[in-house]
Protein backbone atom coordinates (compact mmCIF):
# COMPACT_ATOMS: atom_id res chain seq x y z
CA MET A 1 97.52 -59.72 -102.35
CA LYS A 2 95.80 -56.43 -103.26
CA ARG A 3 92.81 -57.09 -100.69
CA ALA A 4 95.62 -57.31 -97.87
CA ALA A 5 97.29 -54.34 -98.79
CA LEU A 6 93.87 -52.43 -98.77
CA ALA A 7 93.00 -54.29 -95.50
CA PHE A 8 96.74 -53.31 -93.85
CA ALA A 9 95.96 -49.51 -94.87
CA ALA A 10 92.73 -49.41 -93.41
CA LEU A 11 93.57 -50.75 -90.00
CA VAL A 12 96.56 -48.05 -90.31
CA LEU A 13 94.03 -45.33 -90.83
CA VAL A 14 91.68 -46.33 -87.87
CA ALA A 15 94.39 -46.73 -85.65
CA ALA A 16 95.37 -43.25 -86.60
CA ALA A 17 92.14 -41.34 -86.11
CA PRO A 18 91.73 -39.66 -82.72
CA SER A 19 89.02 -41.27 -80.76
CA ALA A 20 87.00 -38.87 -78.66
CA ARG A 21 88.40 -39.88 -75.70
CA SER A 22 92.09 -38.94 -76.98
CA GLU A 23 90.88 -35.83 -77.89
CA GLU A 24 89.61 -35.22 -74.39
CA TRP A 25 92.83 -36.16 -72.80
CA ARG A 26 95.15 -33.78 -75.12
CA VAL A 27 93.03 -30.36 -73.36
CA PRO A 28 95.97 -29.07 -71.67
CA LYS A 29 95.60 -28.86 -67.81
CA GLY A 30 94.80 -25.66 -66.56
CA LYS A 31 92.66 -24.47 -70.02
CA THR A 32 89.50 -22.11 -68.46
CA TRP A 33 86.62 -21.66 -69.97
CA THR A 34 84.66 -18.74 -68.91
CA TRP A 35 81.09 -17.78 -69.70
CA THR A 36 79.94 -13.87 -68.69
CA PHE A 37 77.40 -13.66 -71.32
CA ASP A 38 78.67 -10.48 -72.87
CA ALA A 39 78.88 -11.53 -76.31
CA ASP A 40 75.54 -13.55 -76.53
CA THR A 41 72.88 -11.82 -77.99
CA LEU A 42 70.00 -10.63 -75.46
CA GLY A 43 66.68 -12.14 -75.50
CA LYS A 44 68.33 -15.73 -76.91
CA ALA A 45 70.07 -18.61 -75.21
CA PRO A 46 73.82 -18.45 -75.47
CA GLY A 47 75.69 -20.00 -78.59
CA ALA A 48 76.81 -23.58 -78.43
CA THR A 49 73.72 -24.90 -75.74
CA ARG A 50 71.19 -27.31 -76.22
CA THR A 51 67.89 -26.56 -73.80
CA ASP A 52 65.57 -29.18 -72.53
CA GLY A 53 62.66 -27.08 -70.94
CA GLY A 54 62.41 -24.02 -69.98
CA SER A 55 63.24 -20.55 -71.54
CA TRP A 56 66.88 -19.68 -71.29
CA THR A 57 67.73 -16.47 -72.32
CA VAL A 58 70.69 -13.78 -72.17
CA VAL A 59 68.93 -10.53 -69.81
CA LEU A 60 70.46 -7.63 -68.68
CA ASP A 61 71.07 -7.83 -64.96
CA SER A 62 68.81 -4.78 -63.63
CA THR A 63 70.56 -5.10 -60.23
CA ARG A 64 73.95 -3.83 -61.29
CA ALA A 65 72.80 -1.38 -64.18
CA PRO A 66 75.46 1.72 -64.69
CA GLU A 67 74.62 4.59 -63.41
CA GLY A 68 71.64 6.37 -65.06
CA ALA A 69 71.25 3.32 -67.56
CA ILE A 70 67.50 2.91 -66.20
CA GLY A 71 65.03 5.63 -67.32
CA ALA A 72 62.17 6.82 -65.83
CA ALA A 73 60.25 3.55 -67.40
CA GLY A 74 61.76 1.60 -65.60
CA ASP A 75 64.02 -0.22 -68.41
CA SER A 76 67.14 0.38 -70.90
CA ALA A 77 65.21 2.03 -73.73
CA GLY A 78 67.32 4.64 -74.97
CA VAL A 79 70.33 3.18 -73.82
CA ASP A 80 73.61 3.96 -75.78
CA SER A 81 75.27 1.07 -77.03
CA THR A 82 78.46 1.65 -75.17
CA THR A 83 76.49 1.58 -71.95
CA LEU A 84 75.04 -1.58 -72.96
CA ARG A 85 78.25 -3.47 -73.53
CA ALA A 86 79.22 -2.71 -69.99
CA TRP A 87 75.95 -3.75 -68.38
CA PRO A 88 76.57 -7.29 -66.90
CA ARG A 89 74.41 -9.81 -68.24
CA VAL A 90 72.93 -12.73 -66.63
CA LEU A 91 71.30 -16.13 -68.04
CA ARG A 92 67.86 -16.25 -66.90
CA GLN A 93 65.33 -19.49 -66.85
CA THR A 94 62.04 -18.04 -66.67
CA GLU A 95 59.49 -20.37 -67.65
CA ASP A 96 57.34 -21.74 -64.61
CA GLU A 97 54.03 -22.70 -66.33
CA ASP A 98 55.28 -25.41 -68.93
CA GLY A 99 54.43 -28.47 -66.64
CA ILE A 100 58.03 -29.81 -67.06
CA VAL A 101 60.02 -30.80 -63.42
CA PHE A 102 63.43 -30.61 -64.55
CA HIS A 103 64.57 -27.60 -66.78
CA ARG A 104 68.25 -28.03 -68.28
CA ILE A 105 70.77 -26.06 -70.80
CA GLN A 106 74.12 -28.06 -71.67
CA PHE A 107 77.00 -26.43 -72.84
CA VAL A 108 78.28 -28.53 -75.97
CA LYS A 109 81.83 -27.58 -75.21
CA PRO A 110 84.47 -28.81 -73.61
CA ARG A 111 84.16 -32.19 -72.92
CA LEU A 112 85.96 -33.19 -69.76
CA HIS A 113 86.53 -35.94 -67.40
CA ASP A 114 88.91 -34.20 -64.51
CA LEU A 115 87.53 -30.46 -64.44
CA GLU A 116 86.68 -27.82 -61.76
CA VAL A 117 83.41 -26.01 -62.40
CA SER A 118 81.79 -23.06 -60.87
CA VAL A 119 78.59 -20.88 -61.30
CA ARG A 120 77.20 -18.26 -59.29
CA PHE A 121 73.31 -17.82 -59.31
CA ARG A 122 70.21 -16.63 -57.15
CA ILE A 123 67.02 -17.60 -57.45
CA ARG A 124 64.28 -15.16 -57.97
CA SER A 125 61.18 -17.03 -57.27
CA GLY A 126 59.68 -20.27 -56.77
CA GLU A 127 56.62 -22.41 -54.80
CA ILE A 128 57.12 -25.87 -55.67
CA ASP A 129 60.63 -26.55 -54.81
CA PRO A 130 62.95 -23.61 -55.61
CA SER A 131 65.74 -25.30 -56.93
CA ALA A 132 68.93 -24.37 -59.05
CA GLY A 133 71.89 -26.60 -59.77
CA LEU A 134 75.16 -27.32 -61.63
CA ALA A 135 75.42 -30.33 -63.89
CA PHE A 136 78.45 -31.89 -65.11
CA GLN A 137 79.67 -35.02 -67.06
CA LEU A 138 76.71 -34.72 -69.21
CA ASP A 139 76.66 -37.15 -72.20
CA PRO A 140 75.66 -35.89 -75.58
CA LYS A 141 71.68 -35.59 -75.15
CA GLY A 142 72.24 -34.62 -71.30
CA ARG A 143 70.18 -37.48 -70.10
CA ASN A 144 73.17 -39.40 -68.17
CA GLY A 145 75.73 -37.29 -65.91
CA TYR A 146 75.76 -35.48 -62.54
CA LEU A 147 73.94 -33.14 -60.64
CA VAL A 148 74.72 -31.05 -57.63
CA ARG A 149 71.83 -28.63 -56.71
CA VAL A 150 70.59 -26.52 -53.98
CA SER A 151 66.58 -27.06 -53.05
CA GLY A 152 64.60 -24.54 -51.35
CA GLU A 153 61.84 -26.97 -50.30
CA ASN A 154 64.31 -29.14 -48.20
CA GLY A 155 67.01 -26.86 -47.60
CA GLU A 156 69.52 -28.74 -48.65
CA LEU A 157 72.38 -29.24 -51.21
CA ILE A 158 72.13 -32.19 -52.96
CA ALA A 159 74.55 -34.53 -55.12
CA HIS A 160 72.66 -36.43 -57.53
CA TYR A 161 73.79 -38.77 -60.42
CA LEU A 162 71.22 -38.85 -63.45
CA LEU A 163 70.08 -42.07 -65.21
CA ASN A 164 68.04 -41.67 -68.42
CA GLY A 165 66.79 -38.68 -67.48
CA ARG A 166 65.90 -39.61 -63.74
CA ARG A 167 67.84 -38.18 -60.76
CA ARG A 168 69.12 -40.48 -58.11
CA ASP A 169 70.56 -39.17 -54.62
CA ILE A 170 73.96 -39.81 -53.80
CA LYS A 171 74.57 -37.36 -50.69
CA TYR A 172 73.42 -34.13 -49.33
CA ASP A 173 73.96 -31.38 -46.51
CA LYS A 174 71.65 -29.32 -44.55
CA LEU A 175 71.88 -25.45 -45.68
CA GLU A 176 70.54 -22.26 -44.23
CA SER A 177 67.24 -20.65 -46.13
CA LEU A 178 67.54 -19.69 -49.49
CA ASP A 179 66.09 -15.92 -49.36
CA PRO A 180 64.91 -15.03 -52.65
CA GLY A 181 67.36 -12.75 -54.80
CA VAL A 182 70.59 -13.32 -53.16
CA TRP A 183 73.69 -14.86 -54.91
CA HIS A 184 75.31 -17.93 -54.02
CA THR A 185 78.01 -19.72 -55.60
CA LEU A 186 78.33 -23.67 -56.50
CA ARG A 187 81.46 -25.51 -56.99
CA ILE A 188 82.79 -28.97 -58.23
CA ARG A 189 85.89 -30.55 -58.43
CA ARG A 190 86.56 -33.83 -59.93
CA VAL A 191 89.85 -35.77 -60.02
CA GLY A 192 89.31 -39.30 -60.91
CA SER A 193 86.30 -40.70 -58.83
CA VAL A 194 86.76 -38.22 -56.15
CA MET A 195 84.28 -35.03 -55.94
CA ASP A 196 84.71 -32.16 -53.92
CA VAL A 197 81.30 -30.09 -53.73
CA ALA A 198 81.57 -26.47 -52.09
CA TYR A 199 78.69 -24.00 -51.84
CA ASP A 200 79.53 -20.28 -50.97
CA GLY A 201 83.34 -20.91 -50.63
CA LYS A 202 83.24 -23.57 -47.91
CA GLU A 203 83.49 -27.19 -48.78
CA ARG A 204 80.31 -29.25 -47.40
CA PHE A 205 81.00 -32.74 -48.66
CA ARG A 206 83.13 -35.29 -50.87
CA ILE A 207 81.63 -38.02 -52.80
CA ARG A 208 83.59 -41.15 -54.82
CA ASP A 209 81.48 -42.26 -57.81
CA GLU A 210 82.29 -43.75 -61.24
CA ARG A 211 79.67 -44.29 -63.22
CA PHE A 212 79.90 -41.33 -65.63
CA GLY A 213 83.36 -40.24 -67.34
CA GLU A 214 84.18 -37.14 -69.25
CA GLY A 215 81.37 -34.83 -70.46
CA ASN A 216 79.77 -31.51 -70.79
CA VAL A 217 78.33 -29.12 -68.20
CA GLY A 218 75.18 -27.67 -67.71
CA LEU A 219 72.81 -25.52 -65.70
CA TRP A 220 69.27 -26.68 -64.08
CA THR A 221 66.06 -25.41 -62.29
CA GLU A 222 63.01 -27.31 -61.33
CA ASP A 223 59.31 -26.86 -61.42
CA ASP A 224 58.32 -23.34 -61.18
CA THR A 225 61.84 -21.81 -60.29
CA ILE A 226 63.16 -18.68 -61.90
CA ALA A 227 66.49 -17.89 -61.49
CA ASP A 228 69.64 -16.12 -62.64
CA PHE A 229 73.41 -17.68 -63.33
CA ALA A 230 76.53 -15.80 -63.96
CA ASP A 231 80.28 -16.07 -64.38
CA LEU A 232 80.37 -20.08 -65.54
CA THR A 233 83.92 -21.29 -65.12
CA VAL A 234 85.35 -24.50 -65.95
CA ARG A 235 88.88 -25.65 -65.81
CA SER A 236 90.50 -28.77 -66.77
CA LEU A 237 92.47 -30.27 -64.22
């Protein structure tokens, strides 16, 4: 009888314990997470992230420096702390010679299913395939999920699914030329199995895919691409 009572109590505890899935569904609709990188340490990756390849660091955006902030030496040396706090920052991927094809940074929270995610990016340089992208529904190791990226080599906007770290094409659309240093915006909206992909404010295509459920978001570059990212925003739907 005592064993039966203990077994029953254990079942009650298991039933009452929240699963990762139920935690995700308790996130209220419309909740928003935004990364401006203002609170992150310069020269390091943002907090609560996981990287796989590349060198991801928060840096000051010299193209948007406050008036008088850049001295004769062309840097921020000697700038007061108040000015530094007001100076816009970006997340930059700078590694171009590590021999790794894919460079990824993954934000460990939130973990969502239905979502809208957007980011601004600019490709600074890249000879092989200047490429920058937005990943979502990533598993904890970042090896499975979805990726939407721009490819300068092919002049395309491409949607992939990631399976065991390898990407597979789902759909693509032709783009205009990608000029170095020009800011662009990627936005993905997913509800159920339907994903709408927008580039620079224009809807480019819709895909349906049910391979992956909830997961994290991340940023992506390839080969020797050096790129900046700013204003990453995620909203639960």
